[in-house]
Amino acid sequence: MLADAEWLAPFFAAAETFIIQVPLLQADENWTALAIGMRTYRSHARVQEAGCTALLKLVGDPAANADTVKKNQDGIVSVGGIIVILAAMRAHAGDANVQVQACCALQSLSWNNDNNQLVIAGSGGIIVVVAAMTAHEGLVSMQLSGCLVLRNVASHNSSTAQESIASAGGIDTVVAAMGAHTLELDLQEQGCAVHKLCICIPYLINVCVNVNHITI
């Protein structure tokens, strides 16, 4: 065991050094180095948490500059940002901090971005997010960030994405979150949005098609 610890010491020392460098990489908008670091130190939870937080901040505030946000979203995804975030969630399923920061990053990357919504859905992100919400059901921030990701993915108006959320247990998970945190108004609002996108709108479309013989 001592030999193993000695062998791993340089790895953890390097990981801690990378964590120290994360704010600098963020300031330089160096999402490529952030993604590489997260891949390299995939087993290190603090690296994953710091990396997800940096990617979240790099996207920026949509209310401030939508064009800059779109540029940053596309840049981060072009270097595999969504893939490394989902890998972090899979590798550290029991770490609430990693899960929350990862979901916040996914929510920011998928905001008003059709391509990124599809990348999340196509990379198994729906199942990963639902699993995180289930594993950390008592944590409001986890439930809210998870609902925001599911809402964004469902808002693509893709029946495939909406059906995937339902088949992954997403609707039941969202309803459970709303029932467990009835006083959290933001969570209630976002939970209702997911329900509307995945249940109500597809139902109304189906009614219109059947009643009016509309071809979609």
N, C-alpha and C. Protein backbone atom coordinates (compact mmCIF):
# COMPACT_ATOMS: atom_id res chain seq x y z
N MET A 1 0.83 -1.21 0.00
CA MET A 1 0.00 0.00 0.00
C MET A 1 0.86 1.26 0.00
N LEU A 2 1.96 1.23 0.77
CA LEU A 2 2.84 2.39 0.82
C LEU A 2 3.46 2.64 -0.55
N ALA A 3 3.85 1.54 -1.21
CA ALA A 3 4.43 1.69 -2.55
C ALA A 3 3.43 2.31 -3.51
N ASP A 4 2.16 1.90 -3.41
CA ASP A 4 1.11 2.47 -4.26
C ASP A 4 0.97 3.96 -3.99
N ALA A 5 0.99 4.33 -2.70
CA ALA A 5 0.84 5.73 -2.32
C ALA A 5 1.99 6.56 -2.87
N GLU A 6 3.21 6.00 -2.80
CA GLU A 6 4.37 6.72 -3.31
C GLU A 6 4.28 6.88 -4.83
N TRP A 7 3.78 5.86 -5.51
CA TRP A 7 3.65 5.90 -6.96
C TRP A 7 2.61 6.93 -7.39
N LEU A 8 1.54 7.05 -6.59
CA LEU A 8 0.45 7.96 -6.95
C LEU A 8 0.74 9.40 -6.56
N ALA A 9 1.69 9.61 -5.67
CA ALA A 9 1.96 10.96 -5.16
C ALA A 9 2.22 11.98 -6.27
N PRO A 10 3.06 11.66 -7.27
CA PRO A 10 3.28 12.65 -8.34
C PRO A 10 2.01 12.97 -9.12
N PHE A 11 1.16 11.95 -9.30
CA PHE A 11 -0.10 12.17 -10.02
C PHE A 11 -0.96 13.19 -9.29
N PHE A 12 -1.13 12.99 -7.97
CA PHE A 12 -1.97 13.91 -7.21
C PHE A 12 -1.33 15.28 -7.08
N ALA A 13 -0.01 15.32 -6.99
CA ALA A 13 0.68 16.61 -6.95
C ALA A 13 0.45 17.38 -8.24
N ALA A 14 0.53 16.67 -9.36
CA ALA A 14 0.28 17.32 -10.66
C ALA A 14 -1.16 17.78 -10.77
N ALA A 15 -2.09 16.98 -10.25
CA ALA A 15 -3.51 17.35 -10.30
C ALA A 15 -3.76 18.61 -9.48
N GLU A 16 -3.14 18.69 -8.30
CA GLU A 16 -3.31 19.89 -7.47
C GLU A 16 -2.71 21.12 -8.16
N THR A 17 -1.60 20.92 -8.85
CA THR A 17 -1.00 22.02 -9.60
C THR A 17 -1.94 22.49 -10.71
N PHE A 18 -2.58 21.55 -11.37
CA PHE A 18 -3.53 21.91 -12.42
C PHE A 18 -4.69 22.72 -11.84
N ILE A 19 -5.19 22.31 -10.68
CA ILE A 19 -6.29 23.04 -10.04
C ILE A 19 -5.90 24.50 -9.81
N ILE A 20 -4.66 24.70 -9.37
CA ILE A 20 -4.18 26.07 -9.13
C ILE A 20 -4.17 26.87 -10.44
N GLN A 21 -3.90 26.18 -11.55
CA GLN A 21 -3.82 26.85 -12.85
C GLN A 21 -5.19 27.12 -13.48
N VAL A 22 -6.22 26.47 -12.98
CA VAL A 22 -7.55 26.58 -13.60
C VAL A 22 -8.03 28.03 -13.73
N PRO A 23 -7.94 28.87 -12.69
CA PRO A 23 -8.39 30.27 -12.86
C PRO A 23 -7.65 31.01 -13.96
N LEU A 24 -6.36 30.70 -14.12
CA LEU A 24 -5.58 31.35 -15.18
C LEU A 24 -6.04 30.89 -16.56
N LEU A 25 -6.30 29.59 -16.67
CA LEU A 25 -6.79 29.05 -17.94
C LEU A 25 -8.16 29.64 -18.28
N GLN A 26 -8.97 29.81 -17.27
CA GLN A 26 -10.29 30.42 -17.46
C GLN A 26 -10.14 31.86 -17.94
N ALA A 27 -9.26 32.61 -17.29
CA ALA A 27 -9.05 34.00 -17.67
C ALA A 27 -8.54 34.13 -19.10
N ASP A 28 -7.76 33.15 -19.54
CA ASP A 28 -7.23 33.15 -20.91
C ASP A 28 -8.21 32.55 -21.92
N GLU A 29 -9.37 32.12 -21.43
CA GLU A 29 -10.37 31.44 -22.27
C GLU A 29 -9.76 30.23 -22.97
N ASN A 30 -8.92 29.52 -22.24
CA ASN A 30 -8.22 28.36 -22.80
C ASN A 30 -9.01 27.10 -22.48
N TRP A 31 -10.14 26.94 -23.18
CA TRP A 31 -10.98 25.77 -22.90
C TRP A 31 -10.34 24.47 -23.38
N THR A 32 -9.42 24.57 -24.34
CA THR A 32 -8.72 23.36 -24.79
C THR A 32 -7.89 22.77 -23.66
N ALA A 33 -7.12 23.60 -22.96
CA ALA A 33 -6.29 23.12 -21.84
C ALA A 33 -7.16 22.61 -20.70
N LEU A 34 -8.29 23.25 -20.47
CA LEU A 34 -9.20 22.79 -19.42
C LEU A 34 -9.72 21.39 -19.73
N ALA A 35 -10.12 21.19 -20.99
CA ALA A 35 -10.65 19.88 -21.38
C ALA A 35 -9.57 18.81 -21.29
N ILE A 36 -8.35 19.14 -21.70
CA ILE A 36 -7.24 18.18 -21.62
C ILE A 36 -6.95 17.82 -20.18
N GLY A 37 -6.93 18.82 -19.31
CA GLY A 37 -6.68 18.57 -17.89
C GLY A 37 -7.74 17.69 -17.26
N MET A 38 -9.01 17.93 -17.63
CA MET A 38 -10.09 17.11 -17.09
C MET A 38 -9.98 15.67 -17.57
N ARG A 39 -9.55 15.48 -18.82
CA ARG A 39 -9.35 14.12 -19.31
C ARG A 39 -8.17 13.45 -18.60
N THR A 40 -7.10 14.20 -18.44
CA THR A 40 -5.89 13.64 -17.84
C THR A 40 -6.11 13.22 -16.39
N TYR A 41 -6.85 14.04 -15.64
CA TYR A 41 -7.07 13.77 -14.22
C TYR A 41 -8.53 13.40 -13.96
N ARG A 42 -9.04 12.53 -14.80
CA ARG A 42 -10.45 12.16 -14.72
C ARG A 42 -10.83 11.57 -13.36
N SER A 43 -9.91 10.87 -12.72
CA SER A 43 -10.21 10.22 -11.44
C SER A 43 -10.12 11.16 -10.24
N HIS A 44 -9.71 12.40 -10.48
CA HIS A 44 -9.52 13.37 -9.40
C HIS A 44 -10.76 14.27 -9.33
N ALA A 45 -11.54 14.09 -8.28
CA ALA A 45 -12.83 14.79 -8.18
C ALA A 45 -12.67 16.30 -8.14
N ARG A 46 -11.66 16.79 -7.44
CA ARG A 46 -11.49 18.25 -7.32
C ARG A 46 -11.13 18.87 -8.67
N VAL A 47 -10.38 18.14 -9.48
CA VAL A 47 -10.08 18.63 -10.82
C VAL A 47 -11.36 18.75 -11.63
N GLN A 48 -12.20 17.74 -11.54
CA GLN A 48 -13.45 17.74 -12.31
C GLN A 48 -14.38 18.87 -11.85
N GLU A 49 -14.47 19.05 -10.55
CA GLU A 49 -15.31 20.13 -10.03
C GLU A 49 -14.79 21.49 -10.49
N ALA A 50 -13.48 21.70 -10.36
CA ALA A 50 -12.89 22.98 -10.76
C ALA A 50 -13.02 23.20 -12.27
N GLY A 51 -12.83 22.13 -13.04
CA GLY A 51 -12.95 22.25 -14.49
C GLY A 51 -14.36 22.59 -14.92
N CYS A 52 -15.34 21.91 -14.34
CA CYS A 52 -16.74 22.19 -14.68
C CYS A 52 -17.12 23.62 -14.30
N THR A 53 -16.65 24.07 -13.14
CA THR A 53 -16.94 25.44 -12.70
C THR A 53 -16.34 26.46 -13.67
N ALA A 54 -15.11 26.19 -14.10
CA ALA A 54 -14.45 27.10 -15.05
C ALA A 54 -15.18 27.14 -16.39
N LEU A 55 -15.60 25.99 -16.88
CA LEU A 55 -16.31 25.95 -18.16
C LEU A 55 -17.65 26.68 -18.04
N LEU A 56 -18.31 26.53 -16.90
CA LEU A 56 -19.56 27.26 -16.65
C LEU A 56 -19.32 28.76 -16.75
N LYS A 57 -18.29 29.23 -16.06
CA LYS A 57 -18.01 30.67 -16.05
C LYS A 57 -17.56 31.17 -17.43
N LEU A 58 -16.87 30.30 -18.17
CA LEU A 58 -16.40 30.70 -19.50
C LEU A 58 -17.53 30.96 -20.48
N VAL A 59 -18.63 30.26 -20.32
CA VAL A 59 -19.76 30.46 -21.25
C VAL A 59 -20.23 31.90 -21.17
N GLY A 60 -20.31 32.43 -19.96
CA GLY A 60 -20.71 33.81 -19.79
C GLY A 60 -22.19 33.98 -19.50
N ASP A 61 -22.60 35.22 -19.36
CA ASP A 61 -23.97 35.57 -19.01
C ASP A 61 -24.76 35.89 -20.27
N PRO A 62 -25.77 35.06 -20.60
CA PRO A 62 -26.57 35.31 -21.81
C PRO A 62 -27.23 36.67 -21.83
N ALA A 63 -27.56 37.17 -20.65
CA ALA A 63 -28.23 38.47 -20.59
C ALA A 63 -27.27 39.61 -20.95
N ALA A 64 -25.97 39.37 -20.79
CA ALA A 64 -25.00 40.42 -21.06
C ALA A 64 -24.63 40.49 -22.53
N ASN A 65 -24.34 39.34 -23.14
CA ASN A 65 -23.90 39.33 -24.53
C ASN A 65 -24.17 37.97 -25.14
N ALA A 66 -25.27 37.84 -25.84
CA ALA A 66 -25.67 36.56 -26.40
C ALA A 66 -24.69 36.06 -27.46
N ASP A 67 -24.10 36.97 -28.24
CA ASP A 67 -23.15 36.56 -29.28
C ASP A 67 -21.89 35.95 -28.67
N THR A 68 -21.41 36.56 -27.60
CA THR A 68 -20.22 36.03 -26.92
C THR A 68 -20.52 34.67 -26.32
N VAL A 69 -21.69 34.52 -25.74
CA VAL A 69 -22.09 33.24 -25.16
C VAL A 69 -22.11 32.15 -26.22
N LYS A 70 -22.69 32.45 -27.38
CA LYS A 70 -22.76 31.46 -28.47
C LYS A 70 -21.35 31.07 -28.92
N LYS A 71 -20.46 32.05 -29.05
CA LYS A 71 -19.08 31.76 -29.45
C LYS A 71 -18.40 30.85 -28.43
N ASN A 72 -18.58 31.16 -27.17
CA ASN A 72 -17.94 30.37 -26.12
C ASN A 72 -18.55 28.97 -26.03
N GLN A 73 -19.86 28.89 -26.16
CA GLN A 73 -20.52 27.58 -26.16
C GLN A 73 -19.95 26.69 -27.25
N ASP A 74 -19.89 27.23 -28.45
CA ASP A 74 -19.42 26.45 -29.60
C ASP A 74 -17.94 26.09 -29.45
N GLY A 75 -17.14 27.02 -28.93
CA GLY A 75 -15.73 26.74 -28.73
C GLY A 75 -15.48 25.63 -27.73
N ILE A 76 -16.19 25.67 -26.63
CA ILE A 76 -16.03 24.65 -25.59
C ILE A 76 -16.46 23.28 -26.11
N VAL A 77 -17.55 23.23 -26.82
CA VAL A 77 -18.04 21.95 -27.34
C VAL A 77 -17.13 21.42 -28.44
N SER A 78 -16.49 22.30 -29.18
CA SER A 78 -15.60 21.87 -30.26
C SER A 78 -14.38 21.11 -29.75
N VAL A 79 -14.02 21.32 -28.48
CA VAL A 79 -12.87 20.60 -27.90
C VAL A 79 -13.34 19.44 -27.01
N GLY A 80 -14.62 19.09 -27.15
CA GLY A 80 -15.14 17.95 -26.39
C GLY A 80 -15.62 18.28 -25.00
N GLY A 81 -15.98 19.55 -24.78
CA GLY A 81 -16.38 19.99 -23.44
C GLY A 81 -17.53 19.21 -22.84
N ILE A 82 -18.56 18.96 -23.63
CA ILE A 82 -19.72 18.22 -23.11
C ILE A 82 -19.32 16.79 -22.78
N ILE A 83 -18.48 16.19 -23.61
CA ILE A 83 -18.05 14.81 -23.37
C ILE A 83 -17.27 14.69 -22.06
N VAL A 84 -16.35 15.65 -21.80
CA VAL A 84 -15.56 15.56 -20.57
C VAL A 84 -16.41 15.83 -19.33
N ILE A 85 -17.41 16.69 -19.48
CA ILE A 85 -18.31 16.95 -18.35
C ILE A 85 -19.12 15.70 -18.01
N LEU A 86 -19.66 15.06 -19.04
CA LEU A 86 -20.42 13.83 -18.79
C LEU A 86 -19.52 12.72 -18.23
N ALA A 87 -18.27 12.67 -18.69
CA ALA A 87 -17.32 11.69 -18.16
C ALA A 87 -17.07 11.95 -16.67
N ALA A 88 -16.99 13.21 -16.31
CA ALA A 88 -16.79 13.56 -14.90
C ALA A 88 -17.98 13.10 -14.05
N MET A 89 -19.17 13.28 -14.58
CA MET A 89 -20.37 12.86 -13.84
C MET A 89 -20.41 11.35 -13.68
N ARG A 90 -20.03 10.62 -14.72
CA ARG A 90 -20.03 9.16 -14.64
C ARG A 90 -18.97 8.66 -13.65
N ALA A 91 -17.81 9.32 -13.64
CA ALA A 91 -16.71 8.87 -12.81
C ALA A 91 -16.90 9.23 -11.34
N HIS A 92 -17.71 10.23 -11.06
CA HIS A 92 -17.87 10.72 -9.68
C HIS A 92 -19.36 10.86 -9.34
N ALA A 93 -20.07 9.79 -9.57
CA ALA A 93 -21.53 9.82 -9.38
C ALA A 93 -21.93 10.15 -7.95
N GLY A 94 -21.11 9.80 -6.99
CA GLY A 94 -21.45 10.03 -5.59
C GLY A 94 -21.00 11.36 -5.05
N ASP A 95 -20.30 12.14 -5.85
CA ASP A 95 -19.79 13.44 -5.40
C ASP A 95 -20.77 14.54 -5.81
N ALA A 96 -21.48 15.06 -4.83
CA ALA A 96 -22.53 16.05 -5.12
C ALA A 96 -21.96 17.32 -5.73
N ASN A 97 -20.79 17.75 -5.29
CA ASN A 97 -20.21 18.98 -5.82
C ASN A 97 -19.91 18.85 -7.30
N VAL A 98 -19.34 17.71 -7.70
CA VAL A 98 -19.06 17.48 -9.11
C VAL A 98 -20.35 17.46 -9.91
N GLN A 99 -21.34 16.75 -9.39
CA GLN A 99 -22.60 16.61 -10.11
C GLN A 99 -23.29 17.96 -10.32
N VAL A 100 -23.31 18.78 -9.28
CA VAL A 100 -23.99 20.08 -9.39
C VAL A 100 -23.26 20.99 -10.38
N GLN A 101 -21.94 21.09 -10.23
CA GLN A 101 -21.19 21.98 -11.12
C GLN A 101 -21.24 21.49 -12.57
N ALA A 102 -21.24 20.17 -12.74
CA ALA A 102 -21.33 19.61 -14.09
C ALA A 102 -22.68 19.93 -14.71
N CYS A 103 -23.75 19.77 -13.96
CA CYS A 103 -25.09 20.08 -14.49
C CYS A 103 -25.23 21.57 -14.78
N CYS A 104 -24.67 22.40 -13.92
CA CYS A 104 -24.72 23.84 -14.18
C CYS A 104 -23.99 24.18 -15.48
N ALA A 105 -22.86 23.52 -15.70
CA ALA A 105 -22.12 23.75 -16.94
C ALA A 105 -22.91 23.27 -18.15
N LEU A 106 -23.53 22.11 -18.04
CA LEU A 106 -24.35 21.59 -19.14
C LEU A 106 -25.53 22.51 -19.43
N GLN A 107 -26.14 23.02 -18.37
CA GLN A 107 -27.26 23.94 -18.55
C GLN A 107 -26.83 25.19 -19.30
N SER A 108 -25.66 25.71 -18.94
CA SER A 108 -25.15 26.92 -19.58
C SER A 108 -24.77 26.65 -21.04
N LEU A 109 -24.16 25.51 -21.28
CA LEU A 109 -23.75 25.16 -22.65
C LEU A 109 -24.94 24.90 -23.57
N SER A 110 -26.05 24.44 -22.99
CA SER A 110 -27.22 24.08 -23.81
C SER A 110 -28.25 25.19 -23.91
N TRP A 111 -28.01 26.31 -23.23
CA TRP A 111 -28.97 27.41 -23.27
C TRP A 111 -29.09 27.97 -24.69
N ASN A 112 -30.28 27.89 -25.26
CA ASN A 112 -30.57 28.48 -26.57
C ASN A 112 -29.58 28.02 -27.65
N ASN A 113 -29.13 26.77 -27.55
CA ASN A 113 -28.15 26.25 -28.50
C ASN A 113 -28.60 24.87 -28.97
N ASP A 114 -29.21 24.83 -30.15
CA ASP A 114 -29.78 23.59 -30.67
C ASP A 114 -28.75 22.48 -30.79
N ASN A 115 -27.58 22.81 -31.33
CA ASN A 115 -26.57 21.79 -31.54
C ASN A 115 -26.12 21.16 -30.22
N ASN A 116 -25.87 22.00 -29.22
CA ASN A 116 -25.39 21.48 -27.95
C ASN A 116 -26.46 20.67 -27.22
N GLN A 117 -27.72 21.05 -27.41
CA GLN A 117 -28.81 20.25 -26.85
C GLN A 117 -28.81 18.85 -27.44
N LEU A 118 -28.58 18.78 -28.74
CA LEU A 118 -28.53 17.49 -29.42
C LEU A 118 -27.30 16.68 -28.99
N VAL A 119 -26.17 17.37 -28.79
CA VAL A 119 -24.95 16.68 -28.36
C VAL A 119 -25.17 16.05 -26.98
N ILE A 120 -25.78 16.77 -26.07
CA ILE A 120 -26.05 16.23 -24.73
C ILE A 120 -26.94 15.00 -24.83
N ALA A 121 -28.03 15.12 -25.59
CA ALA A 121 -28.95 13.99 -25.73
C ALA A 121 -28.28 12.80 -26.41
N GLY A 122 -27.50 13.08 -27.46
CA GLY A 122 -26.87 12.01 -28.22
C GLY A 122 -25.70 11.36 -27.52
N SER A 123 -25.17 12.00 -26.47
CA SER A 123 -24.02 11.47 -25.74
C SER A 123 -24.44 10.76 -24.45
N GLY A 124 -25.73 10.49 -24.31
CA GLY A 124 -26.21 9.82 -23.11
C GLY A 124 -26.39 10.74 -21.92
N GLY A 125 -26.40 12.06 -22.19
CA GLY A 125 -26.49 13.03 -21.11
C GLY A 125 -27.78 13.00 -20.33
N ILE A 126 -28.87 12.65 -20.99
CA ILE A 126 -30.16 12.61 -20.30
C ILE A 126 -30.13 11.58 -19.18
N ILE A 127 -29.65 10.40 -19.47
CA ILE A 127 -29.57 9.33 -18.46
C ILE A 127 -28.65 9.74 -17.32
N VAL A 128 -27.52 10.38 -17.66
CA VAL A 128 -26.56 10.79 -16.64
C VAL A 128 -27.17 11.84 -15.71
N VAL A 129 -27.87 12.80 -16.27
CA VAL A 129 -28.48 13.86 -15.47
C VAL A 129 -29.59 13.30 -14.57
N VAL A 130 -30.42 12.43 -15.13
CA VAL A 130 -31.48 11.82 -14.33
C VAL A 130 -30.89 10.99 -13.19
N ALA A 131 -29.81 10.28 -13.47
CA ALA A 131 -29.16 9.48 -12.43
C ALA A 131 -28.61 10.37 -11.32
N ALA A 132 -28.06 11.53 -11.69
CA ALA A 132 -27.53 12.46 -10.69
C ALA A 132 -28.65 13.01 -9.82
N MET A 133 -29.77 13.35 -10.43
CA MET A 133 -30.91 13.86 -9.66
C MET A 133 -31.44 12.79 -8.70
N THR A 134 -31.45 11.56 -9.15
CA THR A 134 -31.93 10.46 -8.31
C THR A 134 -30.98 10.21 -7.14
N ALA A 135 -29.68 10.25 -7.42
CA ALA A 135 -28.68 9.96 -6.38
C ALA A 135 -28.60 11.06 -5.33
N HIS A 136 -28.94 12.29 -5.71
CA HIS A 136 -28.81 13.42 -4.79
C HIS A 136 -30.16 14.12 -4.65
N GLU A 137 -31.18 13.34 -4.38
CA GLU A 137 -32.55 13.86 -4.38
C GLU A 137 -32.82 14.91 -3.30
N GLY A 138 -32.02 14.91 -2.24
CA GLY A 138 -32.25 15.87 -1.16
C GLY A 138 -31.58 17.21 -1.37
N LEU A 139 -30.80 17.33 -2.42
CA LEU A 139 -30.04 18.56 -2.67
C LEU A 139 -30.77 19.43 -3.69
N VAL A 140 -31.25 20.56 -3.24
CA VAL A 140 -32.05 21.44 -4.09
C VAL A 140 -31.27 21.90 -5.31
N SER A 141 -30.03 22.29 -5.12
CA SER A 141 -29.23 22.78 -6.25
C SER A 141 -29.05 21.71 -7.32
N MET A 142 -28.98 20.44 -6.90
CA MET A 142 -28.88 19.34 -7.85
C MET A 142 -30.17 19.20 -8.64
N GLN A 143 -31.28 19.26 -7.95
CA GLN A 143 -32.57 19.10 -8.61
C GLN A 143 -32.85 20.26 -9.57
N LEU A 144 -32.50 21.47 -9.15
CA LEU A 144 -32.75 22.63 -10.00
C LEU A 144 -31.87 22.60 -11.24
N SER A 145 -30.57 22.35 -11.06
CA SER A 145 -29.68 22.33 -12.22
C SER A 145 -30.03 21.19 -13.16
N GLY A 146 -30.45 20.05 -12.60
CA GLY A 146 -30.87 18.93 -13.45
C GLY A 146 -32.11 19.28 -14.26
N CYS A 147 -33.08 19.92 -13.62
CA CYS A 147 -34.29 20.34 -14.34
C CYS A 147 -33.97 21.32 -15.45
N LEU A 148 -33.02 22.21 -15.20
CA LEU A 148 -32.65 23.19 -16.21
C LEU A 148 -32.03 22.52 -17.44
N VAL A 149 -31.20 21.52 -17.20
CA VAL A 149 -30.62 20.79 -18.34
C VAL A 149 -31.71 20.07 -19.13
N LEU A 150 -32.59 19.37 -18.43
CA LEU A 150 -33.67 18.64 -19.10
C LEU A 150 -34.59 19.59 -19.85
N ARG A 151 -34.86 20.73 -19.26
CA ARG A 151 -35.70 21.73 -19.94
C ARG A 151 -35.05 22.19 -21.23
N ASN A 152 -33.76 22.49 -21.17
CA ASN A 152 -33.06 22.96 -22.38
C ASN A 152 -33.07 21.90 -23.47
N VAL A 153 -32.77 20.66 -23.10
CA VAL A 153 -32.73 19.58 -24.08
C VAL A 153 -34.12 19.36 -24.68
N ALA A 154 -35.15 19.39 -23.84
CA ALA A 154 -36.52 19.18 -24.31
C ALA A 154 -37.01 20.33 -25.18
N SER A 155 -36.48 21.53 -24.94
CA SER A 155 -36.94 22.70 -25.68
C SER A 155 -36.50 22.70 -27.13
N HIS A 156 -35.64 21.75 -27.48
CA HIS A 156 -35.21 21.63 -28.88
C HIS A 156 -36.39 21.27 -29.78
N ASN A 157 -37.51 20.91 -29.18
CA ASN A 157 -38.70 20.49 -29.93
C ASN A 157 -38.47 19.21 -30.71
N SER A 158 -37.54 18.43 -30.24
CA SER A 158 -37.29 17.13 -30.84
C SER A 158 -38.07 16.08 -30.08
N SER A 159 -38.98 15.40 -30.76
CA SER A 159 -39.76 14.37 -30.08
C SER A 159 -38.86 13.26 -29.55
N THR A 160 -37.73 13.04 -30.22
CA THR A 160 -36.79 12.02 -29.77
C THR A 160 -36.22 12.38 -28.40
N ALA A 161 -35.82 13.65 -28.24
CA ALA A 161 -35.26 14.10 -26.96
C ALA A 161 -36.32 14.04 -25.86
N GLN A 162 -37.52 14.48 -26.18
CA GLN A 162 -38.60 14.46 -25.20
C GLN A 162 -38.95 13.04 -24.79
N GLU A 163 -38.99 12.14 -25.75
CA GLU A 163 -39.27 10.74 -25.45
C GLU A 163 -38.13 10.11 -24.65
N SER A 164 -36.90 10.52 -24.94
CA SER A 164 -35.75 9.99 -24.22
C SER A 164 -35.79 10.40 -22.75
N ILE A 165 -36.20 11.64 -22.51
CA ILE A 165 -36.33 12.10 -21.12
C ILE A 165 -37.37 11.27 -20.38
N ALA A 166 -38.49 11.03 -21.04
CA ALA A 166 -39.54 10.24 -20.40
C ALA A 166 -39.10 8.80 -20.17
N SER A 167 -38.46 8.18 -21.17
CA SER A 167 -38.06 6.78 -21.05
C SER A 167 -36.93 6.59 -20.06
N ALA A 168 -36.14 7.64 -19.80
CA ALA A 168 -35.06 7.56 -18.82
C ALA A 168 -35.55 7.79 -17.40
N GLY A 169 -36.86 8.00 -17.25
CA GLY A 169 -37.41 8.26 -15.93
C GLY A 169 -37.34 9.72 -15.54
N GLY A 170 -37.06 10.57 -16.52
CA GLY A 170 -36.90 11.99 -16.23
C GLY A 170 -38.15 12.66 -15.70
N ILE A 171 -39.30 12.32 -16.25
CA ILE A 171 -40.54 12.94 -15.78
C ILE A 171 -40.82 12.56 -14.33
N ASP A 172 -40.70 11.28 -14.03
CA ASP A 172 -40.93 10.82 -12.66
C ASP A 172 -39.93 11.47 -11.69
N THR A 173 -38.70 11.61 -12.14
CA THR A 173 -37.66 12.21 -11.29
C THR A 173 -37.95 13.68 -11.02
N VAL A 174 -38.40 14.38 -12.04
CA VAL A 174 -38.75 15.79 -11.88
C VAL A 174 -39.94 15.95 -10.95
N VAL A 175 -40.95 15.12 -11.13
CA VAL A 175 -42.13 15.18 -10.25
C VAL A 175 -41.73 14.89 -8.80
N ALA A 176 -40.83 13.92 -8.61
CA ALA A 176 -40.37 13.59 -7.26
C ALA A 176 -39.63 14.77 -6.64
N ALA A 177 -38.82 15.46 -7.46
CA ALA A 177 -38.08 16.62 -6.97
C ALA A 177 -39.04 17.73 -6.54
N MET A 178 -40.06 17.95 -7.35
CA MET A 178 -41.05 18.98 -7.01
C MET A 178 -41.80 18.62 -5.74
N GLY A 179 -42.10 17.34 -5.57
CA GLY A 179 -42.81 16.91 -4.37
C GLY A 179 -41.96 16.99 -3.12
N ALA A 180 -40.65 16.80 -3.27
CA ALA A 180 -39.75 16.82 -2.12
C ALA A 180 -39.36 18.23 -1.71
N HIS A 181 -39.50 19.19 -2.64
CA HIS A 181 -39.04 20.56 -2.37
C HIS A 181 -40.13 21.55 -2.78
N THR A 182 -41.26 21.42 -2.12
CA THR A 182 -42.45 22.19 -2.53
C THR A 182 -42.30 23.70 -2.34
N LEU A 183 -41.40 24.13 -1.46
CA LEU A 183 -41.26 25.56 -1.19
C LEU A 183 -40.19 26.23 -2.06
N GLU A 184 -39.52 25.44 -2.89
CA GLU A 184 -38.49 26.00 -3.76
C GLU A 184 -39.13 26.43 -5.08
N LEU A 185 -39.42 27.73 -5.18
CA LEU A 185 -40.21 28.23 -6.31
C LEU A 185 -39.50 28.07 -7.65
N ASP A 186 -38.19 28.31 -7.68
CA ASP A 186 -37.46 28.16 -8.95
C ASP A 186 -37.51 26.71 -9.43
N LEU A 187 -37.37 25.79 -8.50
CA LEU A 187 -37.44 24.37 -8.85
C LEU A 187 -38.83 24.01 -9.34
N GLN A 188 -39.85 24.53 -8.69
CA GLN A 188 -41.23 24.25 -9.13
C GLN A 188 -41.45 24.77 -10.55
N GLU A 189 -40.94 25.97 -10.81
CA GLU A 189 -41.12 26.56 -12.14
C GLU A 189 -40.43 25.74 -13.22
N GLN A 190 -39.18 25.35 -12.96
CA GLN A 190 -38.44 24.60 -13.97
C GLN A 190 -38.98 23.18 -14.13
N GLY A 191 -39.44 22.60 -13.03
CA GLY A 191 -40.06 21.29 -13.11
C GLY A 191 -41.31 21.31 -13.97
N CYS A 192 -42.10 22.35 -13.80
CA CYS A 192 -43.30 22.50 -14.62
C CYS A 192 -42.94 22.69 -16.10
N ALA A 193 -41.85 23.40 -16.35
CA ALA A 193 -41.42 23.62 -17.73
C ALA A 193 -41.04 22.29 -18.40
N VAL A 194 -40.33 21.44 -17.67
CA VAL A 194 -39.97 20.13 -18.21
C VAL A 194 -41.23 19.31 -18.49
N HIS A 195 -42.16 19.32 -17.56
CA HIS A 195 -43.41 18.58 -17.71
C HIS A 195 -44.19 19.08 -18.93
N LYS A 196 -44.23 20.40 -19.08
CA LYS A 196 -44.95 20.99 -20.21
C LYS A 196 -44.34 20.56 -21.54
N LEU A 197 -43.01 20.62 -21.62
CA LEU A 197 -42.33 20.31 -22.88
C LEU A 197 -42.41 18.83 -23.24
N CYS A 198 -42.37 17.98 -22.22
CA CYS A 198 -42.31 16.53 -22.48
C CYS A 198 -43.67 15.84 -22.48
N ILE A 199 -44.64 16.45 -21.83
CA ILE A 199 -45.95 15.80 -21.71
C ILE A 199 -47.04 16.61 -22.41
N CYS A 200 -47.21 17.86 -22.00
CA CYS A 200 -48.36 18.65 -22.47
C CYS A 200 -48.27 18.98 -23.95
N ILE A 201 -47.12 19.51 -24.40
CA ILE A 201 -47.01 19.91 -25.80
C ILE A 201 -47.12 18.72 -26.75
N PRO A 202 -46.40 17.60 -26.50
CA PRO A 202 -46.58 16.43 -27.38
C PRO A 202 -48.01 15.93 -27.40
N TYR A 203 -48.69 16.00 -26.25
CA TYR A 203 -50.10 15.55 -26.19
C TYR A 203 -50.98 16.44 -27.06
N LEU A 204 -50.78 17.77 -26.95
CA LEU A 204 -51.60 18.70 -27.73
C LEU A 204 -51.33 18.53 -29.23
N ILE A 205 -50.06 18.32 -29.59
CA ILE A 205 -49.74 18.09 -31.01
C ILE A 205 -50.44 16.84 -31.50
N ASN A 206 -50.43 15.80 -30.69
CA ASN A 206 -51.07 14.54 -31.07
C ASN A 206 -52.58 14.73 -31.25
N VAL A 207 -53.17 15.54 -30.37
CA VAL A 207 -54.61 15.82 -30.48
C VAL A 207 -54.91 16.55 -31.78
N CYS A 208 -54.10 17.56 -32.09
CA CYS A 208 -54.29 18.32 -33.32
C CYS A 208 -54.17 17.44 -34.55
N VAL A 209 -53.19 16.57 -34.55
CA VAL A 209 -52.99 15.67 -35.68
C VAL A 209 -54.19 14.75 -35.85
N ASN A 210 -54.65 14.18 -34.76
CA ASN A 210 -55.76 13.21 -34.83
C ASN A 210 -57.09 13.88 -35.18
N VAL A 211 -57.32 15.06 -34.63
CA VAL A 211 -58.62 15.73 -34.83
C VAL A 211 -58.67 16.41 -36.19
N ASN A 212 -57.57 17.07 -36.55
CA ASN A 212 -57.58 17.87 -37.79
C ASN A 212 -56.87 17.18 -38.96
N HIS A 213 -56.37 15.98 -38.71
CA HIS A 213 -55.68 15.22 -39.76
C HIS A 213 -54.49 16.01 -40.33
N ILE A 214 -53.76 16.65 -39.40
CA ILE A 214 -52.62 17.44 -39.81
C ILE A 214 -51.41 16.51 -40.00
N THR A 215 -50.64 16.78 -41.03
CA THR A 215 -49.40 16.02 -41.26
C THR A 215 -48.22 16.87 -40.80
N ILE A 216 -47.41 16.32 -39.87
CA ILE A 216 -46.25 17.05 -39.36
C ILE A 216 -44.97 16.39 -39.85
